[in-house]
């Protein structure tokens, strides 16, 4: 017996980085990661591959497939392949997107369903096992899976709030990469009292204020330049932040401010790429 499944999930931007307090918030963006899973009962190994990255670390997607199969008591093996519109190691939740897409593609392949939150939690467990996350990134995983804005308690893996909003998103992705596993957690945890203030703003739906406060706090702790954020504020933008543990910055923009900020970021003296996208409120799905 052989079977295959396909699915996708979203990249995401940060509102509150959960490293300091285990409480976070994020929003889904319209950049997708795709997964294709092929399984057979005549195989007992999972082999992963990442399009365009022949030497990429495939432990996460392989563990996602295995966790789903174990959940349903299935002894199968096969291959999982991912491709992505989300830049890797740029703070845009590429790991969460890959995990969610792989879990959904595996469910599609075996013809099974899971409660959406349980599917997210399964991917989070796989991410922890693979060592690609510090807090489990439940906030990022929920934003990637459900779309819209989410506010979470990562320690308890609870989704506290989800809200849909329409906005364009501008991303500045510097050329340097920054893997979450290399983040200075001790310095980040010193921010907790002030990150709590930003988190309360997010719970009240004041996402722009929350993300901007979050950005200045984490830039100072992790050694990232605040100039891209200041350029955004000068353009009249209310919501801009360092996304994840960097190095990307994300801003909520409108038609007027988008062009101004694009030019400002391209002229700020940091080598990188500006990406135009929007909030995705629809979330992940099978193909």
C-alpha atoms as a PDB file:
ATOM      1  CA  UNK A   1       0.000   0.000   0.000  1.00  0.00           C
ATOM      2  CA  UNK A   2       1.282   3.469  -0.889  1.00  0.00           C
ATOM      3  CA  UNK A   3      -0.304   6.882  -0.478  1.00  0.00           C
ATOM      4  CA  UNK A   4       0.545  10.547  -0.821  1.00  0.00           C
ATOM      5  CA  UNK A   5      -0.630  13.867   0.550  1.00  0.00           C
ATOM      6  CA  UNK A   6      -0.004  17.550  -0.044  1.00  0.00           C
ATOM      7  CA  UNK A   7      -0.580  20.624   2.131  1.00  0.00           C
ATOM      8  CA  UNK A   8       0.638  24.136   2.862  1.00  0.00           C
ATOM      9  CA  UNK A   9       1.002  26.460   5.827  1.00  0.00           C
ATOM     10  CA  UNK A  10       1.887  30.130   6.307  1.00  0.00           C
ATOM     11  CA  UNK A  11       4.899  32.115   7.298  1.00  0.00           C
ATOM     12  CA  UNK A  12       4.241  34.584  10.097  1.00  0.00           C
ATOM     13  CA  UNK A  13       5.384  37.842  11.640  1.00  0.00           C
ATOM     14  CA  UNK A  14       5.973  38.607  15.303  1.00  0.00           C
ATOM     15  CA  UNK A  15       3.883  40.765  17.591  1.00  0.00           C
ATOM     16  CA  UNK A  16       5.381  39.496  20.885  1.00  0.00           C
ATOM     17  CA  UNK A  17       8.446  37.256  21.037  1.00  0.00           C
ATOM     18  CA  UNK A  18       7.735  34.596  23.681  1.00  0.00           C
ATOM     19  CA  UNK A  19      11.328  33.934  24.758  1.00  0.00           C
ATOM     20  CA  UNK A  20      11.252  36.380  27.689  1.00  0.00           C
ATOM     21  CA  UNK A  21       7.968  35.257  29.273  1.00  0.00           C
ATOM     22  CA  UNK A  22       6.691  32.157  27.412  1.00  0.00           C
ATOM     23  CA  UNK A  23       3.759  34.301  26.244  1.00  0.00           C
ATOM     24  CA  UNK A  24       3.634  35.400  22.632  1.00  0.00           C
ATOM     25  CA  UNK A  25       1.635  36.815  19.755  1.00  0.00           C
ATOM     26  CA  UNK A  26       2.031  36.649  15.983  1.00  0.00           C
ATOM     27  CA  UNK A  27       0.160  37.030  12.694  1.00  0.00           C
ATOM     28  CA  UNK A  28      -0.027  34.909   9.552  1.00  0.00           C
ATOM     29  CA  UNK A  29       1.425  36.314   6.333  1.00  0.00           C
ATOM     30  CA  UNK A  30       0.658  35.399   2.737  1.00  0.00           C
ATOM     31  CA  UNK A  31       3.899  33.495   2.128  1.00  0.00           C
ATOM     32  CA  UNK A  32       3.486  29.720   2.111  1.00  0.00           C
ATOM     33  CA  UNK A  33       5.474  26.556   2.713  1.00  0.00           C
ATOM     34  CA  UNK A  34       4.362  23.435   0.826  1.00  0.00           C
ATOM     35  CA  UNK A  35       4.832  19.802   1.837  1.00  0.00           C
ATOM     36  CA  UNK A  36       4.457  16.614  -0.219  1.00  0.00           C
ATOM     37  CA  UNK A  37       4.454  13.305   1.649  1.00  0.00           C
ATOM     38  CA  UNK A  38       4.663   9.836   0.049  1.00  0.00           C
ATOM     39  CA  UNK A  39       4.229   6.795   2.301  1.00  0.00           C
ATOM     40  CA  UNK A  40       4.350   3.017   1.972  1.00  0.00           C
ATOM     41  CA  UNK A  41       3.859   0.080   4.311  1.00  0.00           C
ATOM     42  CA  UNK A  42       6.865  -1.524   2.605  1.00  0.00           C
ATOM     43  CA  UNK A  43       9.180   1.112   4.051  1.00  0.00           C
ATOM     44  CA  UNK A  44      10.120   1.952   7.639  1.00  0.00           C
ATOM     45  CA  UNK A  45      12.376   4.990   7.171  1.00  0.00           C
ATOM     46  CA  UNK A  46      11.405   8.644   6.697  1.00  0.00           C
ATOM     47  CA  UNK A  47      13.589  10.590   4.265  1.00  0.00           C
ATOM     48  CA  UNK A  48      13.267  14.350   4.036  1.00  0.00           C
ATOM     49  CA  UNK A  49      14.367  16.863   1.424  1.00  0.00           C
ATOM     50  CA  UNK A  50      14.089  20.646   1.091  1.00  0.00           C
ATOM     51  CA  UNK A  51      13.760  22.139  -2.373  1.00  0.00           C
ATOM     52  CA  UNK A  52      16.806  24.232  -3.231  1.00  0.00           C
ATOM     53  CA  UNK A  53      18.710  23.112  -0.114  1.00  0.00           C
ATOM     54  CA  UNK A  54      20.317  19.724  -0.807  1.00  0.00           C
ATOM     55  CA  UNK A  55      22.253  19.929   2.482  1.00  0.00           C
ATOM     56  CA  UNK A  56      19.371  21.375   4.538  1.00  0.00           C
ATOM     57  CA  UNK A  57      18.498  19.944   7.958  1.00  0.00           C
ATOM     58  CA  UNK A  58      15.457  17.701   7.464  1.00  0.00           C
ATOM     59  CA  UNK A  59      15.118  16.441  11.046  1.00  0.00           C
ATOM     60  CA  UNK A  60      12.041  18.594  11.734  1.00  0.00           C
ATOM     61  CA  UNK A  61       9.946  17.451   8.781  1.00  0.00           C
ATOM     62  CA  UNK A  62      10.981  13.830   9.274  1.00  0.00           C
ATOM     63  CA  UNK A  63       9.950  13.962  12.933  1.00  0.00           C
ATOM     64  CA  UNK A  64       6.606  15.538  11.990  1.00  0.00           C
ATOM     65  CA  UNK A  65       5.782  12.617   9.705  1.00  0.00           C
ATOM     66  CA  UNK A  66       6.868  10.100  12.342  1.00  0.00           C
ATOM     67  CA  UNK A  67       4.841  11.788  15.100  1.00  0.00           C
ATOM     68  CA  UNK A  68       1.667  11.669  12.990  1.00  0.00           C
ATOM     69  CA  UNK A  69       2.189   8.017  12.084  1.00  0.00           C
ATOM     70  CA  UNK A  70       2.886   7.112  15.715  1.00  0.00           C
ATOM     71  CA  UNK A  71      -0.247   9.001  16.808  1.00  0.00           C
ATOM     72  CA  UNK A  72      -2.361   6.710  14.654  1.00  0.00           C
ATOM     73  CA  UNK A  73      -0.310   3.578  15.341  1.00  0.00           C
ATOM     74  CA  UNK A  74       0.814   3.207  11.729  1.00  0.00           C
ATOM     75  CA  UNK A  75       4.057   1.491  10.743  1.00  0.00           C
ATOM     76  CA  UNK A  76       4.982   3.134   7.470  1.00  0.00           C
ATOM     77  CA  UNK A  77       7.893   4.960   5.882  1.00  0.00           C
ATOM     78  CA  UNK A  78       8.577   7.084   2.866  1.00  0.00           C
ATOM     79  CA  UNK A  79       9.576  10.583   1.848  1.00  0.00           C
ATOM     80  CA  UNK A  80       8.652  14.156   2.705  1.00  0.00           C
ATOM     81  CA  UNK A  81       9.601  17.096   0.490  1.00  0.00           C
ATOM     82  CA  UNK A  82       9.098  20.774   1.278  1.00  0.00           C
ATOM     83  CA  UNK A  83       9.372  23.934  -0.787  1.00  0.00           C
ATOM     84  CA  UNK A  84       8.848  27.434   0.502  1.00  0.00           C
ATOM     85  CA  UNK A  85       8.135  31.063  -0.302  1.00  0.00           C
ATOM     86  CA  UNK A  86       9.263  31.877   3.264  1.00  0.00           C
ATOM     87  CA  UNK A  87      12.953  32.857   3.600  1.00  0.00           C
ATOM     88  CA  UNK A  88      14.698  30.459   6.001  1.00  0.00           C
ATOM     89  CA  UNK A  89      16.352  31.568   9.256  1.00  0.00           C
ATOM     90  CA  UNK A  90      15.052  35.130   8.882  1.00  0.00           C
ATOM     91  CA  UNK A  91      12.575  35.221  11.791  1.00  0.00           C
ATOM     92  CA  UNK A  92       9.581  34.592   9.512  1.00  0.00           C
ATOM     93  CA  UNK A  93       8.537  31.284  11.095  1.00  0.00           C
ATOM     94  CA  UNK A  94       9.810  28.994   8.362  1.00  0.00           C
ATOM     95  CA  UNK A  95      10.144  26.106  10.842  1.00  0.00           C
ATOM     96  CA  UNK A  96       6.552  26.457  12.072  1.00  0.00           C
ATOM     97  CA  UNK A  97       5.321  26.620   8.478  1.00  0.00           C
ATOM     98  CA  UNK A  98       7.286  23.505   7.527  1.00  0.00           C
ATOM     99  CA  UNK A  99       6.027  21.593  10.572  1.00  0.00           C
ATOM    100  CA  UNK A 100       2.370  22.483  10.027  1.00  0.00           C
ATOM    101  CA  UNK A 101       2.496  21.769   6.298  1.00  0.00           C
ATOM    102  CA  UNK A 102       4.156  18.403   6.904  1.00  0.00           C
ATOM    103  CA  UNK A 103       1.667  17.371   9.597  1.00  0.00           C
ATOM    104  CA  UNK A 104      -1.262  18.261   7.327  1.00  0.00           C
ATOM    105  CA  UNK A 105       0.280  16.527   4.302  1.00  0.00           C
ATOM    106  CA  UNK A 106       0.838  13.372   6.357  1.00  0.00           C
ATOM    107  CA  UNK A 107      -2.770  13.443   7.562  1.00  0.00           C
ATOM    108  CA  UNK A 108      -3.849  13.888   3.942  1.00  0.00           C
ATOM    109  CA  UNK A 109      -1.740  10.904   2.888  1.00  0.00           C
ATOM    110  CA  UNK A 110      -3.194   8.532   5.489  1.00  0.00           C
ATOM    111  CA  UNK A 111      -6.760   9.843   5.178  1.00  0.00           C
ATOM    112  CA  UNK A 112      -7.057  10.931   8.798  1.00  0.00           C
ATOM    113  CA  UNK A 113      -8.176  14.101  10.600  1.00  0.00           C
ATOM    114  CA  UNK A 114      -7.000  15.743  13.814  1.00  0.00           C
ATOM    115  CA  UNK A 115      -8.365  18.566  15.909  1.00  0.00           C
ATOM    116  CA  UNK A 116      -6.558  21.637  14.513  1.00  0.00           C
ATOM    117  CA  UNK A 117      -5.013  22.641  17.845  1.00  0.00           C
ATOM    118  CA  UNK A 118      -3.819  19.090  18.442  1.00  0.00           C
ATOM    119  CA  UNK A 119      -2.224  19.090  14.993  1.00  0.00           C
ATOM    120  CA  UNK A 120      -0.415  22.324  15.890  1.00  0.00           C
ATOM    121  CA  UNK A 121       0.735  20.883  19.225  1.00  0.00           C
ATOM    122  CA  UNK A 122       2.055  17.783  17.468  1.00  0.00           C
ATOM    123  CA  UNK A 123       4.176  19.958  15.181  1.00  0.00           C
ATOM    124  CA  UNK A 124       5.423  21.935  18.188  1.00  0.00           C
ATOM    125  CA  UNK A 125       6.532  18.700  19.884  1.00  0.00           C
ATOM    126  CA  UNK A 126       8.390  17.714  16.729  1.00  0.00           C
ATOM    127  CA  UNK A 127      10.083  21.139  16.622  1.00  0.00           C
ATOM    128  CA  UNK A 128      11.235  20.748  20.223  1.00  0.00           C
ATOM    129  CA  UNK A 129      12.535  17.257  19.466  1.00  0.00           C
ATOM    130  CA  UNK A 130      14.425  18.616  16.456  1.00  0.00           C
ATOM    131  CA  UNK A 131      15.941  21.450  18.532  1.00  0.00           C
ATOM    132  CA  UNK A 132      14.785  24.236  16.190  1.00  0.00           C
ATOM    133  CA  UNK A 133      12.824  26.197  18.798  1.00  0.00           C
ATOM    134  CA  UNK A 134      13.418  27.658  22.258  1.00  0.00           C
ATOM    135  CA  UNK A 135       9.866  27.980  23.639  1.00  0.00           C
ATOM    136  CA  UNK A 136       8.145  25.522  21.310  1.00  0.00           C
ATOM    137  CA  UNK A 137       7.013  28.514  19.233  1.00  0.00           C
ATOM    138  CA  UNK A 138       3.339  27.733  19.833  1.00  0.00           C
ATOM    139  CA  UNK A 139       2.450  31.349  19.012  1.00  0.00           C
ATOM    140  CA  UNK A 140       4.224  31.155  15.664  1.00  0.00           C
ATOM    141  CA  UNK A 141       2.712  27.744  14.950  1.00  0.00           C
ATOM    142  CA  UNK A 142      -0.824  29.011  15.632  1.00  0.00           C
ATOM    143  CA  UNK A 143      -0.340  32.065  13.402  1.00  0.00           C
ATOM    144  CA  UNK A 144       1.070  29.821  10.677  1.00  0.00           C
ATOM    145  CA  UNK A 145      -1.805  27.337  10.944  1.00  0.00           C
ATOM    146  CA  UNK A 146      -4.841  29.557  11.587  1.00  0.00           C
ATOM    147  CA  UNK A 147      -3.793  32.863  10.025  1.00  0.00           C
ATOM    148  CA  UNK A 148      -4.844  36.242  11.404  1.00  0.00           C
ATOM    149  CA  UNK A 149      -3.521  37.540  14.728  1.00  0.00           C
ATOM    150  CA  UNK A 150      -3.079  35.093  17.608  1.00  0.00           C
ATOM    151  CA  UNK A 151      -2.137  35.546  21.273  1.00  0.00           C
ATOM    152  CA  UNK A 152      -0.915  32.472  23.153  1.00  0.00           C
ATOM    153  CA  UNK A 153       0.517  31.002  26.331  1.00  0.00           C
ATOM    154  CA  UNK A 154       3.354  28.869  25.009  1.00  0.00           C
ATOM    155  CA  UNK A 155       4.109  27.089  28.280  1.00  0.00           C
ATOM    156  CA  UNK A 156       0.534  25.786  28.496  1.00  0.00           C
ATOM    157  CA  UNK A 157       0.120  25.582  24.687  1.00  0.00           C
ATOM    158  CA  UNK A 158      -3.108  27.578  24.934  1.00  0.00           C
ATOM    159  CA  UNK A 159      -4.534  29.794  22.198  1.00  0.00           C
ATOM    160  CA  UNK A 160      -6.006  32.723  24.136  1.00  0.00           C
ATOM    161  CA  UNK A 161      -7.173  34.941  21.300  1.00  0.00           C
ATOM    162  CA  UNK A 162      -7.479  34.983  17.515  1.00  0.00           C
ATOM    163  CA  UNK A 163      -8.563  37.968  15.463  1.00  0.00           C
ATOM    164  CA  UNK A 164      -8.794  38.658  11.737  1.00  0.00           C
ATOM    165  CA  UNK A 165      -7.574  41.952  10.325  1.00  0.00           C
ATOM    166  CA  UNK A 166      -6.727  43.237   6.871  1.00  0.00           C
ATOM    167  CA  UNK A 167      -3.375  44.940   6.307  1.00  0.00           C
ATOM    168  CA  UNK A 168      -0.464  44.941   3.929  1.00  0.00           C
ATOM    169  CA  UNK A 169       2.844  43.758   5.344  1.00  0.00           C
ATOM    170  CA  UNK A 170       6.315  44.941   4.408  1.00  0.00           C
ATOM    171  CA  UNK A 171       9.283  42.766   5.364  1.00  0.00           C
ATOM    172  CA  UNK A 172      12.937  43.752   5.404  1.00  0.00           C
ATOM    173  CA  UNK A 173      15.034  40.567   5.330  1.00  0.00           C
ATOM    174  CA  UNK A 174      18.770  41.293   5.820  1.00  0.00           C
ATOM    175  CA  UNK A 175      21.125  38.930   4.036  1.00  0.00           C
ATOM    176  CA  UNK A 176      22.523  37.492   7.280  1.00  0.00           C
ATOM    177  CA  UNK A 177      20.753  34.492   8.830  1.00  0.00           C
ATOM    178  CA  UNK A 178      19.899  34.046  12.517  1.00  0.00           C
ATOM    179  CA  UNK A 179      18.884  30.611  13.795  1.00  0.00           C
ATOM    180  CA  UNK A 180      16.668  30.523  16.904  1.00  0.00           C
ATOM    181  CA  UNK A 181      18.925  27.938  18.529  1.00  0.00           C
ATOM    182  CA  UNK A 182      21.720  30.545  18.659  1.00  0.00           C
ATOM    183  CA  UNK A 183      19.692  33.164  20.546  1.00  0.00           C
ATOM    184  CA  UNK A 184      20.937  34.598  23.859  1.00  0.00           C
ATOM    185  CA  UNK A 185      18.061  33.418  26.052  1.00  0.00           C
ATOM    186  CA  UNK A 186      19.478  34.800  29.315  1.00  0.00           C
ATOM    187  CA  UNK A 187      19.605  38.360  27.972  1.00  0.00           C
ATOM    188  CA  UNK A 188      16.114  37.987  26.503  1.00  0.00           C
ATOM    189  CA  UNK A 189      14.657  36.874  29.841  1.00  0.00           C
ATOM    190  CA  UNK A 190      15.886  40.119  31.447  1.00  0.00           C
ATOM    191  CA  UNK A 191      13.255  41.899  29.343  1.00  0.00           C
ATOM    192  CA  UNK A 192      10.326  40.089  30.982  1.00  0.00           C
ATOM    193  CA  UNK A 193       8.743  43.016  32.933  1.00  0.00           C
ATOM    194  CA  UNK A 194       8.609  45.191  29.823  1.00  0.00           C
ATOM    195  CA  UNK A 195       7.588  42.391  27.460  1.00  0.00           C
ATOM    196  CA  UNK A 196       4.659  41.770  29.828  1.00  0.00           C
ATOM    197  CA  UNK A 197       3.510  45.338  29.123  1.00  0.00           C
ATOM    198  CA  UNK A 198       3.628  44.674  25.385  1.00  0.00           C
ATOM    199  CA  UNK A 199       1.766  41.392  25.871  1.00  0.00           C
ATOM    200  CA  UNK A 200      -1.082  43.141  27.681  1.00  0.00           C
ATOM    201  CA  UNK A 201      -1.351  45.546  24.743  1.00  0.00           C
ATOM    202  CA  UNK A 202      -1.649  42.564  22.397  1.00  0.00           C
ATOM    203  CA  UNK A 203      -4.388  41.005  24.524  1.00  0.00           C
ATOM    204  CA  UNK A 204      -6.311  44.276  24.157  1.00  0.00           C
ATOM    205  CA  UNK A 205      -5.892  44.171  20.382  1.00  0.00           C
ATOM    206  CA  UNK A 206      -3.392  47.042  20.291  1.00  0.00           C
ATOM    207  CA  UNK A 207      -1.090  45.046  18.051  1.00  0.00           C
ATOM    208  CA  UNK A 208       0.810  47.968  16.507  1.00  0.00           C
ATOM    209  CA  UNK A 209       1.883  49.385  19.880  1.00  0.00           C
ATOM    210  CA  UNK A 210       2.677  45.891  21.156  1.00  0.00           C
ATOM    211  CA  UNK A 211       4.889  44.929  18.248  1.00  0.00           C
ATOM    212  CA  UNK A 212       6.811  48.205  18.194  1.00  0.00           C
ATOM    213  CA  UNK A 213       7.595  47.972  21.923  1.00  0.00           C
ATOM    214  CA  UNK A 214       8.571  44.328  21.426  1.00  0.00           C
ATOM    215  CA  UNK A 215      10.911  45.294  18.602  1.00  0.00           C
ATOM    216  CA  UNK A 216      12.878  47.936  20.482  1.00  0.00           C
ATOM    217  CA  UNK A 217      13.220  45.628  23.493  1.00  0.00           C
ATOM    218  CA  UNK A 218      14.499  42.613  21.582  1.00  0.00           C
ATOM    219  CA  UNK A 219      16.749  44.613  19.250  1.00  0.00           C
ATOM    220  CA  UNK A 220      18.562  45.926  22.330  1.00  0.00           C
ATOM    221  CA  UNK A 221      18.856  42.490  23.934  1.00  0.00           C
ATOM    222  CA  UNK A 222      19.900  40.580  20.812  1.00  0.00           C
ATOM    223  CA  UNK A 223      22.144  43.199  19.246  1.00  0.00           C
ATOM    224  CA  UNK A 224      20.094  44.135  16.185  1.00  0.00           C
ATOM    225  CA  UNK A 225      20.050  47.605  14.652  1.00  0.00           C
ATOM    226  CA  UNK A 226      16.977  49.721  15.466  1.00  0.00           C
ATOM    227  CA  UNK A 227      17.488  51.933  12.394  1.00  0.00           C
ATOM    228  CA  UNK A 228      14.997  49.956  10.227  1.00  0.00           C
ATOM    229  CA  UNK A 229      12.381  50.462  12.952  1.00  0.00           C
ATOM    230  CA  UNK A 230      13.108  54.176  13.241  1.00  0.00           C
ATOM    231  CA  UNK A 231      12.798  54.512   9.462  1.00  0.00           C
ATOM    232  CA  UNK A 232       9.337  52.939   9.726  1.00  0.00           C
ATOM    233  CA  UNK A 233       8.235  55.313  12.489  1.00  0.00           C
ATOM    234  CA  UNK A 234       9.494  58.255  10.437  1.00  0.00           C
ATOM    235  CA  UNK A 235       7.265  57.021   7.586  1.00  0.00           C
ATOM    236  CA  UNK A 236       4.242  57.267   9.898  1.00  0.00           C
ATOM    237  CA  UNK A 237       3.941  53.526  10.518  1.00  0.00           C
ATOM    238  CA  UNK A 238       2.594  52.527  13.937  1.00  0.00           C
ATOM    239  CA  UNK A 239       3.419  48.814  13.948  1.00  0.00           C
ATOM    240  CA  UNK A 240       6.954  47.578  13.216  1.00  0.00           C
ATOM    241  CA  UNK A 241       9.142  45.025  14.965  1.00  0.00           C
ATOM    242  CA  UNK A 242      12.051  42.649  14.823  1.00  0.00           C
ATOM    243  CA  UNK A 243      10.433  39.397  13.742  1.00  0.00           C
ATOM    244  CA  UNK A 244      11.234  36.431  15.941  1.00  0.00           C
ATOM    245  CA  UNK A 245      14.905  36.386  16.893  1.00  0.00           C
ATOM    246  CA  UNK A 246      15.759  38.301  13.728  1.00  0.00           C
ATOM    247  CA  UNK A 247      17.203  39.342  11.501  1.00  0.00           C
ATOM    248  CA  UNK A 248      14.032  40.383   9.611  1.00  0.00           C
ATOM    249  CA  UNK A 249      11.827  43.354  10.437  1.00  0.00           C
ATOM    250  CA  UNK A 250       8.083  43.389   9.698  1.00  0.00           C
ATOM    251  CA  UNK A 251       5.748  46.367   9.456  1.00  0.00           C
ATOM    252  CA  UNK A 252       1.993  46.773   9.032  1.00  0.00           C
ATOM    253  CA  UNK A 253       1.563  49.293   6.227  1.00  0.00           C
ATOM    254  CA  UNK A 254      -1.018  50.917   3.973  1.00  0.00           C
ATOM    255  CA  UNK A 255      -0.751  51.902   0.316  1.00  0.00           C
ATOM    256  CA  UNK A 256       0.768  55.312   1.105  1.00  0.00           C
ATOM    257  CA  UNK A 257       3.339  54.246   3.668  1.00  0.00           C
ATOM    258  CA  UNK A 258       4.403  51.064   1.871  1.00  0.00           C
ATOM    259  CA  UNK A 259       6.299  52.845  -0.893  1.00  0.00           C
ATOM    260  CA  UNK A 260       7.888  55.325   1.505  1.00  0.00           C
ATOM    261  CA  UNK A 261       9.152  52.565   3.792  1.00  0.00           C
ATOM    262  CA  UNK A 262      10.350  50.398   0.909  1.00  0.00           C
ATOM    263  CA  UNK A 263      12.589  53.246  -0.255  1.00  0.00           C
ATOM    264  CA  UNK A 264      13.747  53.997   3.294  1.00  0.00           C
ATOM    265  CA  UNK A 265      14.713  50.395   3.992  1.00  0.00           C
ATOM    266  CA  UNK A 266      16.561  50.078   0.694  1.00  0.00           C
ATOM    267  CA  UNK A 267      18.589  53.158   1.625  1.00  0.00           C
ATOM    268  CA  UNK A 268      19.278  52.342   5.294  1.00  0.00           C
ATOM    269  CA  UNK A 269      22.747  50.906   4.729  1.00  0.00           C
ATOM    270  CA  UNK A 270      21.913  47.270   5.546  1.00  0.00           C
ATOM    271  CA  UNK A 271      22.152  44.721   2.729  1.00  0.00           C
ATOM    272  CA  UNK A 272      18.905  42.813   2.345  1.00  0.00           C
ATOM    273  CA  UNK A 273      15.651  42.223   0.484  1.00  0.00           C
ATOM    274  CA  UNK A 274      12.312  44.017   0.863  1.00  0.00           C
ATOM    275  CA  UNK A 275       9.265  41.748   0.493  1.00  0.00           C
ATOM    276  CA  UNK A 276       5.696  42.966  -0.008  1.00  0.00           C
ATOM    277  CA  UNK A 277       2.908  40.696   1.224  1.00  0.00           C
ATOM    278  CA  UNK A 278      -0.237  40.905   3.366  1.00  0.00           C
ATOM    279  CA  UNK A 279      -1.889  39.367   6.399  1.00  0.00           C
ATOM    280  CA  UNK A 280      -3.416  35.978   5.585  1.00  0.00           C
ATOM    281  CA  UNK A 281      -6.582  35.287   7.590  1.00  0.00           C
ATOM    282  CA  UNK A 282      -7.379  31.909   6.000  1.00  0.00           C
ATOM    283  CA  UNK A 283      -4.557  29.799   7.381  1.00  0.00           C
ATOM    284  CA  UNK A 284      -3.163  26.422   6.363  1.00  0.00           C
ATOM    285  CA  UNK A 285      -4.836  23.732   4.288  1.00  0.00           C
ATOM    286  CA  UNK A 286      -4.537  20.511   2.320  1.00  0.00           C
ATOM    287  CA  UNK A 287      -4.021  20.595  -1.440  1.00  0.00           C
END
